Amino acid sequence: KYRITKYIDNGDLYLLEDFEKNIEQIKDLLTTTLPSSCKVDDNPYIFPLQRNLIFNLKNEFAEIKSMKDKNCLTEPLKAFFGRLVKIPESKYDTPIVLLDNNANMKQLLAIHNAMKNPVSYIQGPPGTGKTSTIVNTILTAFFNDKTVLFTSYNNKPIDGVAEKLSKITYDNYPPLFPMLEIKNNDKIPQALKKVRSLYETAKNKIVFKDMLIKKKRLELDKTEKINRLLEEYEKRVEIDETKIVLDKMTDKIKTMEFNLFLQGIESKNLKKREDNLGKIDYKETISLINENKRDFFMYIYFKTVDLLKKIDLSEYKDFKDILYMEKEEEQKKAFNQYLRNDENIYKLLNIFPVMLVTCISARKVGSPKQYFDLTIMDEASQCD
């Protein structure tokens, strides 16, 4: 009924890479995490794996074909069709913000590239901080006034990210963050109950817009220096990776002339580039980002309040009525109907710039158009 990953912490998922070898340790972990009414049954069973989910993707393919014919493909689709031959250069420095102090330089570089490049692929084994990187990328996008769709093939990654975002708070104020979770029909009432609670918390609070501008400027002032340090680090990583490639080529190719070329010209070029970079203070980058942390949380909190108060506007009357429906079945039907309208999606993004959606439930969100500035797919190879 459930994946085994539901009952194993992220830090222990590496055990699944060699299931046969680690089976006893996995059984011990399951024994400690399963409810007392359950037990581990290791008897062999044979059963078919299948999904009784059939989707008609005709509209999605038609939209992609239309975009292709009109030569207006999005950047990820250009990459898919082999038309992204040059990465567009970003004209603006993008501030990076972090939820806590646990990020390292590789994670910062991943966030930096996700904001700068049209397509970024991030790979790492369990326990390397992918969830934290996702959360910090979402926060960075939100801080930069970008809309985000976070999607995964099941609810567990979405619940993990949602839990971290929902705990963001400022001083003694109750937690607030403008996200909307869209899952299967049974989860809709719970998701809308969360939204109603956020709105009830925010509706009577006062927001000083000048204060928001001032707090945001504090982050913007240090952006140029942080991005310069990250770009230097990226060059350092590139040099280190090139060295590894050259060493492997030297071992594989035994031609004297070629080895002299590698060890002579190329090695000297790398050494020169390395010397030009000098020493990079990684701690300086982290400390710069984490300056004024209290001001950052203040900005997040009152920016969220400002967004949620829009629910009182007349153009959101239909959505507000859905939030306060008492009968769950009617609420589910009304909300699903609301999501089918493109205009409603744009309106919702003005309040909830972050949406967390399973791959299957993503088909509920409007028509097959591009609504979001940034899409993050967790375990992309497993997405439906």
Protein backbone atom coordinates (compact mmCIF):
# COMPACT_ATOMS: atom_id res chain seq x y z
CA LYS A 1 0.00 0.00 0.00
CA TYR A 2 2.88 2.39 0.80
CA ARG A 3 6.46 2.79 -0.36
CA ILE A 4 9.12 1.64 2.08
CA THR A 5 10.56 5.18 1.97
CA LYS A 6 7.50 6.35 3.95
CA TYR A 7 8.94 4.63 7.02
CA ILE A 8 12.66 5.30 6.59
CA ASP A 9 14.34 8.64 7.30
CA ASN A 10 16.14 10.39 4.44
CA GLY A 11 19.49 9.81 6.13
CA ASP A 12 18.99 6.02 5.96
CA LEU A 13 17.75 5.77 2.37
CA TYR A 14 21.24 4.79 1.19
CA LEU A 15 20.54 1.35 2.68
CA LEU A 16 18.07 0.69 -0.13
CA GLU A 17 20.85 0.92 -2.72
CA ASP A 18 21.94 -2.57 -1.68
CA PHE A 19 18.73 -4.00 -0.30
CA GLU A 20 19.89 -7.63 -0.06
CA LYS A 21 23.02 -6.73 1.87
CA ASN A 22 21.24 -4.35 4.26
CA ILE A 23 17.97 -6.22 4.66
CA GLU A 24 18.39 -6.97 8.36
CA GLN A 25 19.26 -3.35 9.18
CA ILE A 26 16.28 -2.17 7.14
CA LYS A 27 14.00 -4.58 9.04
CA ASP A 28 15.32 -3.18 12.35
CA LEU A 29 14.58 0.38 11.19
CA LEU A 30 11.07 -0.58 10.12
CA THR A 31 10.44 -2.29 13.44
CA THR A 32 11.21 0.94 15.32
CA THR A 33 9.19 3.23 13.02
CA LEU A 34 6.05 1.16 12.33
CA PRO A 35 3.02 1.61 14.60
CA SER A 36 2.83 -0.89 17.48
CA SER A 37 -0.13 -2.60 15.80
CA CYS A 38 2.03 -3.50 12.77
CA LYS A 39 4.85 -5.96 12.29
CA VAL A 40 7.47 -6.68 9.64
CA ASP A 41 6.56 -9.68 7.47
CA ASP A 42 9.58 -10.86 5.45
CA ASN A 43 7.84 -13.80 3.78
CA PRO A 44 8.17 -13.71 -0.04
CA TYR A 45 5.16 -12.60 -2.06
CA ILE A 46 4.55 -12.31 -5.80
CA PHE A 47 2.26 -9.54 -6.98
CA PRO A 48 1.90 -7.40 -10.12
CA LEU A 49 2.90 -3.73 -10.06
CA GLN A 50 0.53 -1.48 -11.96
CA ARG A 51 -1.23 1.86 -11.79
CA ASN A 52 -4.83 2.19 -12.80
CA LEU A 53 -4.39 5.80 -13.87
CA ILE A 54 -5.06 6.70 -17.48
CA PHE A 55 -4.64 10.29 -18.62
CA ASN A 56 -5.46 11.90 -21.92
CA LEU A 57 -2.50 14.18 -22.66
CA LYS A 58 -3.95 15.38 -25.96
CA ASN A 59 -4.33 18.99 -24.78
CA GLU A 60 -0.81 19.09 -23.32
CA PHE A 61 0.79 17.80 -26.52
CA ALA A 62 -1.35 20.15 -28.60
CA GLU A 63 -0.14 23.14 -26.58
CA ILE A 64 3.51 22.08 -26.94
CA LYS A 65 3.05 21.64 -30.70
CA SER A 66 1.42 25.07 -30.94
CA MET A 67 4.33 26.68 -29.05
CA LYS A 68 6.81 24.85 -31.28
CA ASP A 69 5.02 25.94 -34.47
CA LYS A 70 4.90 29.56 -33.26
CA ASN A 71 8.58 29.43 -32.25
CA CYS A 72 7.73 30.46 -28.69
CA LEU A 73 8.86 27.43 -26.71
CA THR A 74 9.75 27.93 -23.06
CA GLU A 75 13.41 27.51 -22.17
CA PRO A 76 13.02 23.96 -20.73
CA LEU A 77 11.17 22.88 -23.89
CA LYS A 78 13.90 24.42 -26.03
CA ALA A 79 16.37 22.25 -24.13
CA PHE A 80 14.17 19.19 -24.69
CA PHE A 81 14.03 19.79 -28.44
CA GLY A 82 17.75 20.57 -28.67
CA ARG A 83 17.21 24.25 -29.41
CA LEU A 84 18.84 25.66 -26.28
CA VAL A 85 22.29 26.04 -27.78
CA LYS A 86 23.30 28.98 -25.59
CA ILE A 87 22.41 29.73 -22.00
CA PRO A 88 20.76 33.17 -21.77
CA GLU A 89 22.77 35.59 -19.69
CA SER A 90 21.04 36.99 -16.64
CA LYS A 91 20.98 40.78 -16.56
CA TYR A 92 20.34 41.02 -12.84
CA ASP A 93 22.09 39.89 -9.67
CA THR A 94 19.72 37.67 -7.72
CA PRO A 95 19.87 37.77 -3.91
CA ILE A 96 20.10 34.38 -2.19
CA VAL A 97 18.35 33.85 1.14
CA LEU A 98 18.57 30.89 3.52
CA LEU A 99 16.28 29.41 6.12
CA ASP A 100 19.17 28.48 8.43
CA ASN A 101 22.97 28.36 8.62
CA ASN A 102 23.43 24.76 7.46
CA ALA A 103 24.03 25.34 3.73
CA ASN A 104 27.40 24.69 2.15
CA MET A 105 28.98 26.20 -0.96
CA LYS A 106 27.74 23.43 -3.28
CA GLN A 107 24.17 24.01 -2.13
CA LEU A 108 24.55 27.78 -2.54
CA LEU A 109 25.88 27.25 -6.06
CA ALA A 110 22.90 25.00 -6.86
CA ILE A 111 20.50 27.76 -5.74
CA HIS A 112 22.48 30.40 -7.64
CA ASN A 113 22.37 28.34 -10.86
CA ALA A 114 18.69 27.50 -10.44
CA MET A 115 17.89 31.20 -10.33
CA LYS A 116 20.30 32.12 -13.14
CA ASN A 117 19.90 29.31 -15.69
CA PRO A 118 16.81 28.21 -17.62
CA VAL A 119 17.41 24.54 -16.73
CA SER A 120 19.41 23.13 -13.80
CA TYR A 121 19.95 19.47 -12.91
CA ILE A 122 20.93 18.70 -9.33
CA GLN A 123 22.00 15.22 -8.29
CA GLY A 124 23.04 13.92 -4.92
CA PRO A 125 22.70 10.80 -2.77
CA PRO A 126 20.39 10.77 0.27
CA GLY A 127 21.58 12.95 3.11
CA THR A 128 23.34 15.56 0.97
CA GLY A 129 20.75 18.26 1.69
CA LYS A 130 18.53 18.19 -1.40
CA THR A 131 15.37 18.99 0.62
CA SER A 132 17.07 21.93 2.35
CA THR A 133 18.32 23.14 -1.04
CA ILE A 134 14.78 22.95 -2.43
CA VAL A 135 13.41 24.93 0.52
CA ASN A 136 16.13 27.58 0.20
CA THR A 137 15.57 27.82 -3.57
CA ILE A 138 11.85 28.37 -2.98
CA LEU A 139 12.60 31.05 -0.38
CA THR A 140 15.09 32.74 -2.71
CA ALA A 141 12.55 32.74 -5.56
CA PHE A 142 9.85 34.14 -3.27
CA PHE A 143 12.18 36.87 -2.05
CA ASN A 144 12.87 37.78 -5.69
CA ASP A 145 9.13 38.04 -6.48
CA LYS A 146 9.08 34.88 -8.60
CA THR A 147 6.33 32.27 -8.66
CA VAL A 148 7.25 28.64 -7.94
CA LEU A 149 5.71 25.27 -8.68
CA PHE A 150 7.23 22.48 -6.60
CA THR A 151 6.14 19.03 -7.75
CA SER A 152 6.94 15.43 -6.91
CA TYR A 153 5.66 11.99 -7.82
CA ASN A 154 4.21 11.43 -4.32
CA ASN A 155 3.17 13.35 -1.23
CA LYS A 156 6.17 12.63 1.02
CA PRO A 157 8.63 15.17 -0.50
CA ILE A 158 5.82 17.73 -0.74
CA ASP A 159 4.89 17.19 2.91
CA GLY A 160 8.54 17.53 3.93
CA VAL A 161 9.01 20.83 2.10
CA ALA A 162 5.60 22.12 3.25
CA GLU A 163 6.46 21.32 6.87
CA LYS A 164 9.68 23.34 6.72
CA LEU A 165 8.02 26.31 5.02
CA SER A 166 5.05 26.25 7.39
CA LYS A 167 7.36 26.64 10.40
CA ILE A 168 8.90 29.90 9.22
CA THR A 169 8.15 32.49 11.85
CA TYR A 170 9.22 35.90 13.09
CA ASP A 171 9.73 36.53 16.81
CA ASN A 172 6.62 35.35 18.68
CA TYR A 173 4.21 35.72 15.77
CA PRO A 174 2.45 32.56 14.53
CA PRO A 175 4.07 30.95 11.45
CA LEU A 176 3.01 32.32 8.05
CA PHE A 177 4.11 31.52 4.51
CA PRO A 178 2.06 32.03 1.30
CA MET A 179 1.94 28.52 -0.15
CA LEU A 180 -0.93 26.50 -1.55
CA GLU A 181 -0.88 22.69 -1.52
CA ILE A 182 -2.82 20.92 -4.29
CA LYS A 183 -3.11 17.15 -3.89
CA ASN A 184 -5.80 14.56 -4.50
CA ASN A 185 -9.46 15.31 -3.78
CA ASP A 186 -9.40 13.83 -0.27
CA LYS A 187 -6.66 16.29 0.74
CA ILE A 188 -8.43 19.42 -0.57
CA PRO A 189 -10.46 20.24 2.60
CA GLN A 190 -7.33 19.95 4.75
CA ALA A 191 -5.34 22.21 2.40
CA LEU A 192 -8.09 24.85 2.30
CA LYS A 193 -8.44 24.68 6.07
CA LYS A 194 -4.73 25.63 6.29
CA VAL A 195 -5.31 28.54 3.90
CA ARG A 196 -8.29 29.75 5.92
CA SER A 197 -6.20 29.60 9.11
CA LEU A 198 -3.44 31.66 7.44
CA TYR A 199 -5.98 34.23 6.27
CA GLU A 200 -7.62 34.46 9.71
CA THR A 201 -4.19 35.10 11.24
CA ALA A 202 -3.25 37.81 8.74
CA LYS A 203 -6.47 39.68 7.96
CA ASN A 204 -6.38 42.17 10.87
CA LYS A 205 -2.66 42.85 10.87
CA ILE A 206 -1.20 46.14 9.61
CA VAL A 207 1.62 46.18 7.05
CA PHE A 208 3.89 49.17 6.48
CA LYS A 209 5.00 48.98 2.84
CA ASP A 210 7.98 51.30 3.38
CA MET A 211 9.28 48.90 6.00
CA LEU A 212 9.09 45.98 3.55
CA ILE A 213 11.06 47.94 0.96
CA LYS A 214 13.72 48.86 3.52
CA LYS A 215 14.15 45.27 4.76
CA LYS A 216 14.45 43.96 1.21
CA ARG A 217 17.06 46.56 0.33
CA LEU A 218 19.29 45.23 3.14
CA GLU A 219 19.53 41.92 1.26
CA LEU A 220 19.99 43.57 -2.13
CA ASP A 221 22.93 45.65 -0.92
CA LYS A 222 25.15 42.58 -0.39
CA THR A 223 23.99 40.63 -3.47
CA GLU A 224 26.75 41.68 -5.86
CA LYS A 225 29.53 40.57 -3.51
CA ILE A 226 27.84 37.20 -2.75
CA ASN A 227 27.30 36.45 -6.44
CA ARG A 228 30.90 37.33 -7.24
CA LEU A 229 32.10 34.86 -4.58
CA LEU A 230 29.78 32.16 -5.95
CA GLU A 231 30.99 32.71 -9.51
CA GLU A 232 34.60 32.42 -8.31
CA TYR A 233 33.69 29.20 -6.50
CA GLU A 234 32.03 27.87 -9.69
CA LYS A 235 35.24 28.55 -11.62
CA ARG A 236 37.21 26.75 -8.90
CA VAL A 237 34.91 23.71 -9.21
CA GLU A 238 35.32 23.77 -13.00
CA ILE A 239 39.13 23.83 -12.68
CA ASP A 240 39.11 20.91 -10.21
CA GLU A 241 36.83 18.87 -12.48
CA THR A 242 39.03 19.62 -15.51
CA LYS A 243 42.10 18.43 -13.58
CA ILE A 244 40.38 15.11 -12.87
CA VAL A 245 39.49 14.71 -16.57
CA LEU A 246 43.05 15.49 -17.66
CA ASP A 247 44.49 12.96 -15.19
CA LYS A 248 42.15 10.28 -16.51
CA MET A 249 43.00 11.12 -20.11
CA THR A 250 46.70 10.92 -19.33
CA ASP A 251 46.20 7.42 -17.84
CA LYS A 252 44.08 6.23 -20.78
CA ILE A 253 46.00 7.72 -23.71
CA LYS A 254 49.65 6.69 -23.85
CA THR A 255 50.71 8.83 -26.84
CA MET A 256 53.76 10.88 -25.82
CA GLU A 257 52.85 13.94 -27.90
CA PHE A 258 49.34 14.05 -26.48
CA ASN A 259 50.53 13.64 -22.91
CA LEU A 260 53.09 16.41 -23.38
CA PHE A 261 50.27 18.64 -24.65
CA LEU A 262 48.10 17.84 -21.62
CA GLN A 263 50.86 18.17 -19.05
CA GLY A 264 52.37 21.20 -20.70
CA ILE A 265 49.94 23.66 -22.27
CA GLU A 266 46.68 22.60 -20.61
CA SER A 267 48.14 22.16 -17.14
CA LYS A 268 49.81 25.58 -17.36
CA ASN A 269 46.53 27.17 -18.45
CA LEU A 270 44.73 25.61 -15.49
CA LYS A 271 47.46 26.72 -13.09
CA LYS A 272 47.22 30.27 -14.43
CA ARG A 273 43.43 30.33 -14.03
CA GLU A 274 43.76 28.92 -10.53
CA ASP A 275 46.33 31.55 -9.51
CA ASN A 276 44.13 34.34 -10.88
CA LEU A 277 41.27 33.21 -8.65
CA GLY A 278 43.35 33.36 -5.51
CA LYS A 279 41.95 32.10 -2.22
CA ILE A 280 38.17 32.03 -1.81
CA ASP A 281 36.79 32.57 1.69
CA TYR A 282 33.78 30.23 1.75
CA LYS A 283 32.83 31.19 5.29
CA GLU A 284 32.56 34.81 4.20
CA THR A 285 29.86 33.89 1.68
CA ILE A 286 27.75 32.03 4.24
CA SER A 287 28.12 34.76 6.85
CA LEU A 288 27.18 37.47 4.33
CA ILE A 289 23.96 35.67 3.42
CA ASN A 290 23.06 35.11 7.06
CA GLU A 291 23.52 38.75 8.08
CA ASN A 292 20.36 40.51 9.24
CA LYS A 293 18.54 37.18 9.66
CA ARG A 294 15.89 38.71 11.92
CA ASP A 295 15.16 41.40 9.33
CA PHE A 296 14.79 38.69 6.69
CA PHE A 297 12.22 36.78 8.73
CA MET A 298 10.40 40.04 9.41
CA TYR A 299 10.21 40.66 5.66
CA ILE A 300 8.91 37.13 4.95
CA TYR A 301 6.26 37.44 7.66
CA PHE A 302 4.82 40.82 6.74
CA LYS A 303 5.13 40.19 3.00
CA THR A 304 2.98 37.11 3.57
CA VAL A 305 0.48 39.14 5.58
CA ASP A 306 0.31 41.67 2.76
CA LEU A 307 -0.42 38.92 0.21
CA LEU A 308 -3.01 37.09 2.31
CA LYS A 309 -4.99 40.28 2.97
CA LYS A 310 -5.81 40.34 -0.76
CA ILE A 311 -8.39 37.62 -0.11
CA ASP A 312 -10.66 40.44 1.12
CA LEU A 313 -10.65 42.04 -2.35
CA SER A 314 -13.85 41.70 -4.37
CA GLU A 315 -12.10 39.81 -7.17
CA TYR A 316 -11.41 36.97 -4.71
CA LYS A 317 -15.01 36.61 -3.47
CA ASP A 318 -15.48 33.25 -5.23
CA PHE A 319 -12.29 31.87 -3.70
CA LYS A 320 -13.20 33.17 -0.23
CA ASP A 321 -16.64 31.57 -0.51
CA ILE A 322 -14.96 28.24 -1.27
CA LEU A 323 -12.70 28.60 1.79
CA TYR A 324 -15.73 28.89 4.08
CA MET A 325 -17.88 26.13 2.57
CA GLU A 326 -19.03 23.72 5.28
CA LYS A 327 -19.81 20.66 3.15
CA GLU A 328 -16.58 19.02 2.07
CA GLU A 329 -17.90 17.39 -1.10
CA GLU A 330 -19.24 20.72 -2.35
CA GLN A 331 -15.95 22.38 -1.41
CA LYS A 332 -13.91 19.82 -3.35
CA LYS A 333 -16.07 20.21 -6.44
CA ALA A 334 -16.04 24.02 -6.28
CA PHE A 335 -12.27 24.23 -5.77
CA ASN A 336 -11.50 21.85 -8.64
CA GLN A 337 -13.78 23.89 -10.87
CA TYR A 338 -12.05 27.10 -9.72
CA LEU A 339 -8.63 25.67 -10.63
CA ARG A 340 -9.66 24.91 -14.21
CA ASN A 341 -9.95 28.62 -15.04
CA ASP A 342 -6.69 30.21 -16.27
CA GLU A 343 -7.59 33.61 -14.89
CA ASN A 344 -8.14 32.14 -11.44
CA ILE A 345 -4.65 30.60 -11.47
CA TYR A 346 -3.09 33.99 -12.17
CA LYS A 347 -5.18 35.50 -9.36
CA LEU A 348 -4.15 32.77 -6.93
CA LEU A 349 -0.49 33.33 -7.74
CA ASN A 350 -0.88 36.93 -6.61
CA ILE A 351 -1.60 35.55 -3.13
CA PHE A 352 0.20 32.20 -3.18
CA PRO A 353 3.35 32.58 -5.30
CA VAL A 354 4.41 29.11 -4.11
CA MET A 355 2.33 26.06 -5.05
CA LEU A 356 3.14 22.50 -3.98
CA VAL A 357 1.55 19.92 -6.25
CA THR A 358 1.88 16.20 -6.98
CA CYS A 359 2.59 15.43 -10.65
CA ILE A 360 -0.86 13.93 -11.13
CA SER A 361 -2.69 16.77 -9.37
CA ALA A 362 -0.73 19.33 -11.43
CA ARG A 363 -3.14 18.56 -14.29
CA LYS A 364 -5.87 20.27 -12.25
CA VAL A 365 -4.06 23.60 -12.49
CA GLY A 366 -5.56 25.52 -15.41
CA SER A 367 -4.88 24.67 -19.01
CA PRO A 368 -1.45 23.49 -20.31
CA LYS A 369 0.23 26.90 -20.21
CA GLN A 370 3.24 28.33 -18.45
CA TYR A 371 2.13 30.01 -15.22
CA PHE A 372 5.27 29.82 -13.08
CA ASP A 373 8.65 31.53 -13.22
CA LEU A 374 10.33 28.49 -11.69
CA THR A 375 9.40 24.80 -11.62
CA ILE A 376 11.19 22.42 -9.24
CA MET A 377 10.74 18.69 -9.83
CA ASP A 378 11.88 16.40 -7.03
CA GLU A 379 13.10 12.99 -8.25
CA ALA A 380 12.32 14.15 -11.79
CA SER A 381 13.06 10.76 -13.37
CA GLN A 382 10.21 9.22 -11.39
CA CYS A 383 7.61 11.88 -12.17
CA ASP A 384 4.54 10.80 -14.13
